[in-house]
Amino acid sequence: KFQPRLEKDGLLIFNSSLIEDGEVNRDDIQVINLPMNELSMDISGSPRLANMIAIGAFVKLTKVVELDILKQSLNNVISERNQKY
């Protein structure tokens, strides 16, 4: 869905739990496939952590912000009841 929006040399991180590798049809972007649902279930027992896995991968790959800063800021944007994820 978002492949056409990415510029050349862009980064596509996708949930291979939901999308098969064959669906990526560009060779001018970096493609990272992570089984986010499976990782989420292994870590927390819930698929609700999948988006945090994606954010973590993005930060690790791009170094757009320090991981510690990201972790600290999550408490400001995630409700208390969801912070366990």
PDB file of N, CA and C in Angstrom:
ATOM      1  N   LYS A   1       0.814  -1.194   0.000  1.00  0.00           N
ATOM      2  CA  LYS A   1       0.000   0.000   0.000  1.00  0.00           C
ATOM      3  C   LYS A   1       0.865   1.268   0.000  1.00  0.00           C
ATOM      4  N   PHE A   2       1.959   1.266   0.771  1.00  0.00           N
ATOM      5  CA  PHE A   2       2.759   2.477   0.907  1.00  0.00           C
ATOM      6  C   PHE A   2       3.997   2.491   0.014  1.00  0.00           C
ATOM      7  N   GLN A   3       4.274   1.405  -0.667  1.00  0.00           N
ATOM      8  CA  GLN A   3       5.459   1.348  -1.518  1.00  0.00           C
ATOM      9  C   GLN A   3       5.538   2.505  -2.512  1.00  0.00           C
ATOM     10  N   PRO A   4       4.464   2.860  -3.194  1.00  0.00           N
ATOM     11  CA  PRO A   4       4.556   3.948  -4.170  1.00  0.00           C
ATOM     12  C   PRO A   4       4.917   5.299  -3.556  1.00  0.00           C
ATOM     13  N   ARG A   5       4.640   5.471  -2.284  1.00  0.00           N
ATOM     14  CA  ARG A   5       4.939   6.738  -1.621  1.00  0.00           C
ATOM     15  C   ARG A   5       6.409   6.897  -1.259  1.00  0.00           C
ATOM     16  N   LEU A   6       7.125   5.793  -1.151  1.00  0.00           N
ATOM     17  CA  LEU A   6       8.515   5.856  -0.730  1.00  0.00           C
ATOM     18  C   LEU A   6       9.405   6.400  -1.837  1.00  0.00           C
ATOM     19  N   GLU A   7      10.305   7.284  -1.439  1.00  0.00           N
ATOM     20  CA  GLU A   7      11.279   7.797  -2.387  1.00  0.00           C
ATOM     21  C   GLU A   7      12.389   6.783  -2.568  1.00  0.00           C
ATOM     22  N   LYS A   8      13.153   6.956  -3.615  1.00  0.00           N
ATOM     23  CA  LYS A   8      14.314   6.096  -3.867  1.00  0.00           C
ATOM     24  C   LYS A   8      15.200   6.102  -2.628  1.00  0.00           C
ATOM     25  N   ASP A   9      15.736   4.963  -2.284  1.00  0.00           N
ATOM     26  CA  ASP A   9      16.578   4.747  -1.111  1.00  0.00           C
ATOM     27  C   ASP A   9      15.794   4.869   0.200  1.00  0.00           C
ATOM     28  N   GLY A  10      14.462   4.820   0.125  1.00  0.00           N
ATOM     29  CA  GLY A  10      13.633   4.864   1.316  1.00  0.00           C
ATOM     30  C   GLY A  10      13.699   3.556   2.093  1.00  0.00           C
ATOM     31  N   LEU A  11      13.045   3.535   3.220  1.00  0.00           N
ATOM     32  CA  LEU A  11      13.041   2.375   4.108  1.00  0.00           C
ATOM     33  C   LEU A  11      11.605   1.878   4.271  1.00  0.00           C
ATOM     34  N   LEU A  12      11.399   0.612   3.971  1.00  0.00           N
ATOM     35  CA  LEU A  12      10.095  -0.025   4.149  1.00  0.00           C
ATOM     36  C   LEU A  12      10.242  -1.111   5.208  1.00  0.00           C
ATOM     37  N   ILE A  13       9.563  -0.928   6.318  1.00  0.00           N
ATOM     38  CA  ILE A  13       9.533  -1.941   7.370  1.00  0.00           C
ATOM     39  C   ILE A  13       8.127  -2.519   7.360  1.00  0.00           C
ATOM     40  N   PHE A  14       8.033  -3.819   7.143  1.00  0.00           N
ATOM     41  CA  PHE A  14       6.693  -4.391   7.097  1.00  0.00           C
ATOM     42  C   PHE A  14       6.570  -5.617   7.978  1.00  0.00           C
ATOM     43  N   ASN A  15       5.349  -5.887   8.353  1.00  0.00           N
ATOM     44  CA  ASN A  15       5.022  -6.993   9.237  1.00  0.00           C
ATOM     45  C   ASN A  15       4.863  -8.264   8.405  1.00  0.00           C
ATOM     46  N   SER A  16       5.897  -9.091   8.415  1.00  0.00           N
ATOM     47  CA  SER A  16       5.839 -10.318   7.617  1.00  0.00           C
ATOM     48  C   SER A  16       4.867 -11.336   8.198  1.00  0.00           C
ATOM     49  N   SER A  17       4.313 -11.054   9.359  1.00  0.00           N
ATOM     50  CA  SER A  17       3.235 -11.890   9.892  1.00  0.00           C
ATOM     51  C   SER A  17       1.967 -11.698   9.068  1.00  0.00           C
ATOM     52  N   LEU A  18       1.854 -10.542   8.416  1.00  0.00           N
ATOM     53  CA  LEU A  18       0.644 -10.195   7.678  1.00  0.00           C
ATOM     54  C   LEU A  18       0.851 -10.082   6.175  1.00  0.00           C
ATOM     55  N   ILE A  19       2.083  -9.811   5.745  1.00  0.00           N
ATOM     56  CA  ILE A  19       2.378  -9.571   4.327  1.00  0.00           C
ATOM     57  C   ILE A  19       3.493 -10.506   3.897  1.00  0.00           C
ATOM     58  N   GLU A  20       3.335 -11.132   2.771  1.00  0.00           N
ATOM     59  CA  GLU A  20       4.371 -12.023   2.253  1.00  0.00           C
ATOM     60  C   GLU A  20       5.447 -11.225   1.535  1.00  0.00           C
ATOM     61  N   ASP A  21       6.685 -11.768   1.532  1.00  0.00           N
ATOM     62  CA  ASP A  21       7.820 -11.107   0.874  1.00  0.00           C
ATOM     63  C   ASP A  21       7.528 -10.771  -0.577  1.00  0.00           C
ATOM     64  N   GLY A  22       6.811 -11.627  -1.256  1.00  0.00           N
ATOM     65  CA  GLY A  22       6.557 -11.445  -2.677  1.00  0.00           C
ATOM     66  C   GLY A  22       5.763 -10.194  -3.009  1.00  0.00           C
ATOM     67  N   GLU A  23       5.156  -9.591  -2.016  1.00  0.00           N
ATOM     68  CA  GLU A  23       4.343  -8.408  -2.250  1.00  0.00           C
ATOM     69  C   GLU A  23       5.166  -7.128  -2.349  1.00  0.00           C
ATOM     70  N   VAL A  24       6.461  -7.197  -2.005  1.00  0.00           N
ATOM     71  CA  VAL A  24       7.345  -6.042  -2.148  1.00  0.00           C
ATOM     72  C   VAL A  24       7.929  -6.105  -3.555  1.00  0.00           C
ATOM     73  N   ASN A  25       7.662  -5.071  -4.351  1.00  0.00           N
ATOM     74  CA  ASN A  25       8.060  -5.137  -5.756  1.00  0.00           C
ATOM     75  C   ASN A  25       8.986  -4.000  -6.168  1.00  0.00           C
ATOM     76  N   ARG A  26       9.818  -3.531  -5.231  1.00  0.00           N
ATOM     77  CA  ARG A  26      10.770  -2.468  -5.547  1.00  0.00           C
ATOM     78  C   ARG A  26      12.162  -2.904  -5.166  1.00  0.00           C
ATOM     79  N   ASP A  27      13.127  -2.503  -5.972  1.00  0.00           N
ATOM     80  CA  ASP A  27      14.512  -2.827  -5.657  1.00  0.00           C
ATOM     81  C   ASP A  27      15.341  -1.568  -5.375  1.00  0.00           C
ATOM     82  N   ASP A  28      14.690  -0.414  -5.296  1.00  0.00           N
ATOM     83  CA  ASP A  28      15.392   0.838  -5.034  1.00  0.00           C
ATOM     84  C   ASP A  28      15.168   1.348  -3.612  1.00  0.00           C
ATOM     85  N   ILE A  29      14.650   0.478  -2.739  1.00  0.00           N
ATOM     86  CA  ILE A  29      14.421   0.839  -1.347  1.00  0.00           C
ATOM     87  C   ILE A  29      14.989  -0.264  -0.457  1.00  0.00           C
ATOM     88  N   GLN A  30      15.252   0.098   0.788  1.00  0.00           N
ATOM     89  CA  GLN A  30      15.677  -0.898   1.763  1.00  0.00           C
ATOM     90  C   GLN A  30      14.420  -1.536   2.350  1.00  0.00           C
ATOM     91  N   VAL A  31      14.372  -2.851   2.357  1.00  0.00           N
ATOM     92  CA  VAL A  31      13.195  -3.571   2.844  1.00  0.00           C
ATOM     93  C   VAL A  31      13.580  -4.395   4.065  1.00  0.00           C
ATOM     94  N   ILE A  32      12.865  -4.170   5.138  1.00  0.00           N
ATOM     95  CA  ILE A  32      13.059  -4.931   6.371  1.00  0.00           C
ATOM     96  C   ILE A  32      11.748  -5.639   6.674  1.00  0.00           C
ATOM     97  N   ASN A  33      11.800  -6.939   6.715  1.00  0.00           N
ATOM     98  CA  ASN A  33      10.596  -7.695   7.060  1.00  0.00           C
ATOM     99  C   ASN A  33      10.782  -8.321   8.436  1.00  0.00           C
ATOM    100  N   LEU A  34       9.851  -8.031   9.298  1.00  0.00           N
ATOM    101  CA  LEU A  34       9.885  -8.542  10.660  1.00  0.00           C
ATOM    102  C   LEU A  34       8.557  -9.230  10.973  1.00  0.00           C
ATOM    103  N   PRO A  35       8.629 -10.403  11.572  1.00  0.00           N
ATOM    104  CA  PRO A  35       7.390 -11.071  11.982  1.00  0.00           C
ATOM    105  C   PRO A  35       6.869 -10.434  13.277  1.00  0.00           C
ATOM    106  N   MET A  36       6.355  -9.238  13.140  1.00  0.00           N
ATOM    107  CA  MET A  36       6.005  -8.429  14.312  1.00  0.00           C
ATOM    108  C   MET A  36       4.957  -9.070  15.203  1.00  0.00           C
ATOM    109  N   ASN A  37       3.981  -9.702  14.628  1.00  0.00           N
ATOM    110  CA  ASN A  37       2.954 -10.346  15.460  1.00  0.00           C
ATOM    111  C   ASN A  37       3.551 -11.481  16.282  1.00  0.00           C
ATOM    112  N   GLU A  38       4.387 -12.306  15.664  1.00  0.00           N
ATOM    113  CA  GLU A  38       5.004 -13.414  16.384  1.00  0.00           C
ATOM    114  C   GLU A  38       5.942 -12.902  17.470  1.00  0.00           C
ATOM    115  N   LEU A  39       6.761 -11.899  17.141  1.00  0.00           N
ATOM    116  CA  LEU A  39       7.661 -11.322  18.136  1.00  0.00           C
ATOM    117  C   LEU A  39       6.865 -10.730  19.287  1.00  0.00           C
ATOM    118  N   SER A  40       5.811 -10.046  18.971  1.00  0.00           N
ATOM    119  CA  SER A  40       4.966  -9.439  19.987  1.00  0.00           C
ATOM    120  C   SER A  40       4.370 -10.501  20.918  1.00  0.00           C
ATOM    121  N   MET A  41       3.872 -11.566  20.340  1.00  0.00           N
ATOM    122  CA  MET A  41       3.296 -12.643  21.150  1.00  0.00           C
ATOM    123  C   MET A  41       4.367 -13.287  22.029  1.00  0.00           C
ATOM    124  N   ASP A  42       5.574 -13.484  21.479  1.00  0.00           N
ATOM    125  CA  ASP A  42       6.660 -14.084  22.264  1.00  0.00           C
ATOM    126  C   ASP A  42       7.063 -13.199  23.443  1.00  0.00           C
ATOM    127  N   ILE A  43       7.077 -11.894  23.219  1.00  0.00           N
ATOM    128  CA  ILE A  43       7.523 -10.955  24.241  1.00  0.00           C
ATOM    129  C   ILE A  43       6.447 -10.696  25.283  1.00  0.00           C
ATOM    130  N   SER A  44       5.215 -10.442  24.822  1.00  0.00           N
ATOM    131  CA  SER A  44       4.186  -9.970  25.755  1.00  0.00           C
ATOM    132  C   SER A  44       2.947 -10.850  25.851  1.00  0.00           C
ATOM    133  N   GLY A  45       2.825 -11.811  24.948  1.00  0.00           N
ATOM    134  CA  GLY A  45       1.619 -12.619  24.935  1.00  0.00           C
ATOM    135  C   GLY A  45       0.449 -11.927  24.262  1.00  0.00           C
ATOM    136  N   SER A  46       0.713 -10.772  23.647  1.00  0.00           N
ATOM    137  CA  SER A  46      -0.336  -9.996  22.991  1.00  0.00           C
ATOM    138  C   SER A  46       0.203  -9.425  21.676  1.00  0.00           C
ATOM    139  N   PRO A  47      -0.626  -9.341  20.652  1.00  0.00           N
ATOM    140  CA  PRO A  47      -0.170  -8.743  19.393  1.00  0.00           C
ATOM    141  C   PRO A  47      -0.097  -7.214  19.460  1.00  0.00           C
ATOM    142  N   ARG A  48      -0.507  -6.632  20.579  1.00  0.00           N
ATOM    143  CA  ARG A  48      -0.565  -5.173  20.710  1.00  0.00           C
ATOM    144  C   ARG A  48       0.809  -4.514  20.732  1.00  0.00           C
ATOM    145  N   LEU A  49       1.856  -5.282  20.897  1.00  0.00           N
ATOM    146  CA  LEU A  49       3.208  -4.743  20.950  1.00  0.00           C
ATOM    147  C   LEU A  49       3.815  -4.577  19.551  1.00  0.00           C
ATOM    148  N   ALA A  50       3.152  -5.042  18.525  1.00  0.00           N
ATOM    149  CA  ALA A  50       3.709  -5.054  17.170  1.00  0.00           C
ATOM    150  C   ALA A  50       4.147  -3.667  16.702  1.00  0.00           C
ATOM    151  N   ASN A  51       3.367  -2.644  16.992  1.00  0.00           N
ATOM    152  CA  ASN A  51       3.742  -1.303  16.549  1.00  0.00           C
ATOM    153  C   ASN A  51       4.994  -0.797  17.263  1.00  0.00           C
ATOM    154  N   MET A  52       5.206  -1.195  18.512  1.00  0.00           N
ATOM    155  CA  MET A  52       6.419  -0.807  19.239  1.00  0.00           C
ATOM    156  C   MET A  52       7.645  -1.493  18.636  1.00  0.00           C
ATOM    157  N   ILE A  53       7.459  -2.703  18.140  1.00  0.00           N
ATOM    158  CA  ILE A  53       8.549  -3.408  17.461  1.00  0.00           C
ATOM    159  C   ILE A  53       8.926  -2.659  16.191  1.00  0.00           C
ATOM    160  N   ALA A  54       7.933  -2.189  15.468  1.00  0.00           N
ATOM    161  CA  ALA A  54       8.193  -1.413  14.250  1.00  0.00           C
ATOM    162  C   ALA A  54       8.936  -0.122  14.563  1.00  0.00           C
ATOM    163  N   ILE A  55       8.500   0.586  15.594  1.00  0.00           N
ATOM    164  CA  ILE A  55       9.171   1.834  15.978  1.00  0.00           C
ATOM    165  C   ILE A  55      10.605   1.552  16.406  1.00  0.00           C
ATOM    166  N   GLY A  56      10.798   0.505  17.168  1.00  0.00           N
ATOM    167  CA  GLY A  56      12.145   0.139  17.611  1.00  0.00           C
ATOM    168  C   GLY A  56      13.057  -0.177  16.438  1.00  0.00           C
ATOM    169  N   ALA A  57      12.539  -0.902  15.469  1.00  0.00           N
ATOM    170  CA  ALA A  57      13.333  -1.225  14.279  1.00  0.00           C
ATOM    171  C   ALA A  57      13.691   0.036  13.505  1.00  0.00           C
ATOM    172  N   PHE A  58      12.722   0.928  13.346  1.00  0.00           N
ATOM    173  CA  PHE A  58      12.961   2.175  12.632  1.00  0.00           C
ATOM    174  C   PHE A  58      14.047   3.005  13.312  1.00  0.00           C
ATOM    175  N   VAL A  59      13.954   3.149  14.627  1.00  0.00           N
ATOM    176  CA  VAL A  59      14.934   3.939  15.373  1.00  0.00           C
ATOM    177  C   VAL A  59      16.311   3.281  15.311  1.00  0.00           C
ATOM    178  N   LYS A  60      16.357   1.976  15.440  1.00  0.00           N
ATOM    179  CA  LYS A  60      17.633   1.256  15.386  1.00  0.00           C
ATOM    180  C   LYS A  60      18.304   1.440  14.023  1.00  0.00           C
ATOM    181  N   LEU A  61      17.528   1.353  12.953  1.00  0.00           N
ATOM    182  CA  LEU A  61      18.081   1.447  11.599  1.00  0.00           C
ATOM    183  C   LEU A  61      18.443   2.873  11.193  1.00  0.00           C
ATOM    184  N   THR A  62      17.639   3.826  11.586  1.00  0.00           N
ATOM    185  CA  THR A  62      17.853   5.201  11.122  1.00  0.00           C
ATOM    186  C   THR A  62      18.628   6.058  12.103  1.00  0.00           C
ATOM    187  N   LYS A  63      18.624   5.649  13.371  1.00  0.00           N
ATOM    188  CA  LYS A  63      19.261   6.440  14.425  1.00  0.00           C
ATOM    189  C   LYS A  63      18.729   7.873  14.463  1.00  0.00           C
ATOM    190  N   VAL A  64      17.459   8.041  14.108  1.00  0.00           N
ATOM    191  CA  VAL A  64      16.819   9.346  14.085  1.00  0.00           C
ATOM    192  C   VAL A  64      16.720   9.951  15.488  1.00  0.00           C
ATOM    193  N   VAL A  65      16.701   9.098  16.489  1.00  0.00           N
ATOM    194  CA  VAL A  65      16.665   9.523  17.886  1.00  0.00           C
ATOM    195  C   VAL A  65      17.332   8.407  18.695  1.00  0.00           C
ATOM    196  N   GLU A  66      17.902   8.769  19.835  1.00  0.00           N
ATOM    197  CA  GLU A  66      18.507   7.749  20.688  1.00  0.00           C
ATOM    198  C   GLU A  66      17.409   6.871  21.285  1.00  0.00           C
ATOM    199  N   LEU A  67      17.677   5.583  21.340  1.00  0.00           N
ATOM    200  CA  LEU A  67      16.677   4.636  21.839  1.00  0.00           C
ATOM    201  C   LEU A  67      16.239   4.978  23.264  1.00  0.00           C
ATOM    202  N   ASP A  68      17.161   5.404  24.113  1.00  0.00           N
ATOM    203  CA  ASP A  68      16.796   5.773  25.489  1.00  0.00           C
ATOM    204  C   ASP A  68      15.821   6.940  25.520  1.00  0.00           C
ATOM    205  N   ILE A  69      16.017   7.916  24.633  1.00  0.00           N
ATOM    206  CA  ILE A  69      15.109   9.065  24.562  1.00  0.00           C
ATOM    207  C   ILE A  69      13.716   8.607  24.125  1.00  0.00           C
ATOM    208  N   LEU A  70      13.675   7.696  23.143  1.00  0.00           N
ATOM    209  CA  LEU A  70      12.393   7.150  22.695  1.00  0.00           C
ATOM    210  C   LEU A  70      11.682   6.453  23.849  1.00  0.00           C
ATOM    211  N   LYS A  71      12.401   5.625  24.566  1.00  0.00           N
ATOM    212  CA  LYS A  71      11.797   4.900  25.687  1.00  0.00           C
ATOM    213  C   LYS A  71      11.221   5.865  26.717  1.00  0.00           C
ATOM    214  N   GLN A  72      11.972   6.910  27.038  1.00  0.00           N
ATOM    215  CA  GLN A  72      11.503   7.890  28.021  1.00  0.00           C
ATOM    216  C   GLN A  72      10.248   8.619  27.536  1.00  0.00           C
ATOM    217  N   SER A  73      10.206   8.934  26.259  1.00  0.00           N
ATOM    218  CA  SER A  73       9.079   9.711  25.729  1.00  0.00           C
ATOM    219  C   SER A  73       7.798   8.888  25.627  1.00  0.00           C
ATOM    220  N   LEU A  74       7.906   7.581  25.544  1.00  0.00           N
ATOM    221  CA  LEU A  74       6.710   6.749  25.414  1.00  0.00           C
ATOM    222  C   LEU A  74       5.763   6.908  26.595  1.00  0.00           C
ATOM    223  N   ASN A  75       6.313   7.138  27.776  1.00  0.00           N
ATOM    224  CA  ASN A  75       5.455   7.335  28.947  1.00  0.00           C
ATOM    225  C   ASN A  75       4.569   8.558  28.808  1.00  0.00           C
ATOM    226  N   ASN A  76       4.982   9.501  27.981  1.00  0.00           N
ATOM    227  CA  ASN A  76       4.204  10.729  27.786  1.00  0.00           C
ATOM    228  C   ASN A  76       3.079  10.558  26.773  1.00  0.00           C
ATOM    229  N   VAL A  77       3.155   9.555  25.936  1.00  0.00           N
ATOM    230  CA  VAL A  77       2.167   9.419  24.860  1.00  0.00           C
ATOM    231  C   VAL A  77       1.335   8.144  24.930  1.00  0.00           C
ATOM    232  N   ILE A  78       1.724   7.232  25.781  1.00  0.00           N
ATOM    233  CA  ILE A  78       0.982   5.975  25.907  1.00  0.00           C
ATOM    234  C   ILE A  78       0.233   5.985  27.233  1.00  0.00           C
ATOM    235  N   SER A  79      -1.032   5.647  27.176  1.00  0.00           N
ATOM    236  CA  SER A  79      -1.829   5.642  28.406  1.00  0.00           C
ATOM    237  C   SER A  79      -1.245   4.658  29.422  1.00  0.00           C
ATOM    238  N   GLU A  80      -1.484   4.945  30.676  1.00  0.00           N
ATOM    239  CA  GLU A  80      -0.931   4.130  31.744  1.00  0.00           C
ATOM    240  C   GLU A  80      -1.328   2.665  31.630  1.00  0.00           C
ATOM    241  N   ARG A  81      -2.560   2.414  31.224  1.00  0.00           N
ATOM    242  CA  ARG A  81      -3.026   1.015  31.128  1.00  0.00           C
ATOM    243  C   ARG A  81      -2.341   0.241  30.006  1.00  0.00           C
ATOM    244  N   ASN A  82      -1.793   0.947  29.016  1.00  0.00           N
ATOM    245  CA  ASN A  82      -1.113   0.281  27.900  1.00  0.00           C
ATOM    246  C   ASN A  82       0.404   0.284  28.036  1.00  0.00           C
ATOM    247  N   GLN A  83       0.935   0.905  29.056  1.00  0.00           N
ATOM    248  CA  GLN A  83       2.389   0.975  29.201  1.00  0.00           C
ATOM    249  C   GLN A  83       3.021  -0.387  29.454  1.00  0.00           C
ATOM    250  N   LYS A  84       2.252  -1.341  29.900  1.00  0.00           N
ATOM    251  CA  LYS A  84       2.804  -2.686  30.131  1.00  0.00           C
ATOM    252  C   LYS A  84       3.245  -3.336  28.823  1.00  0.00           C
ATOM    253  N   TYR A  85       2.693  -2.879  27.696  1.00  0.00           N
ATOM    254  CA  TYR A  85       3.074  -3.429  26.407  1.00  0.00           C
ATOM    255  C   TYR A  85       4.330  -2.764  25.901  1.00  0.00           C
TER     256      TYR A  85
END
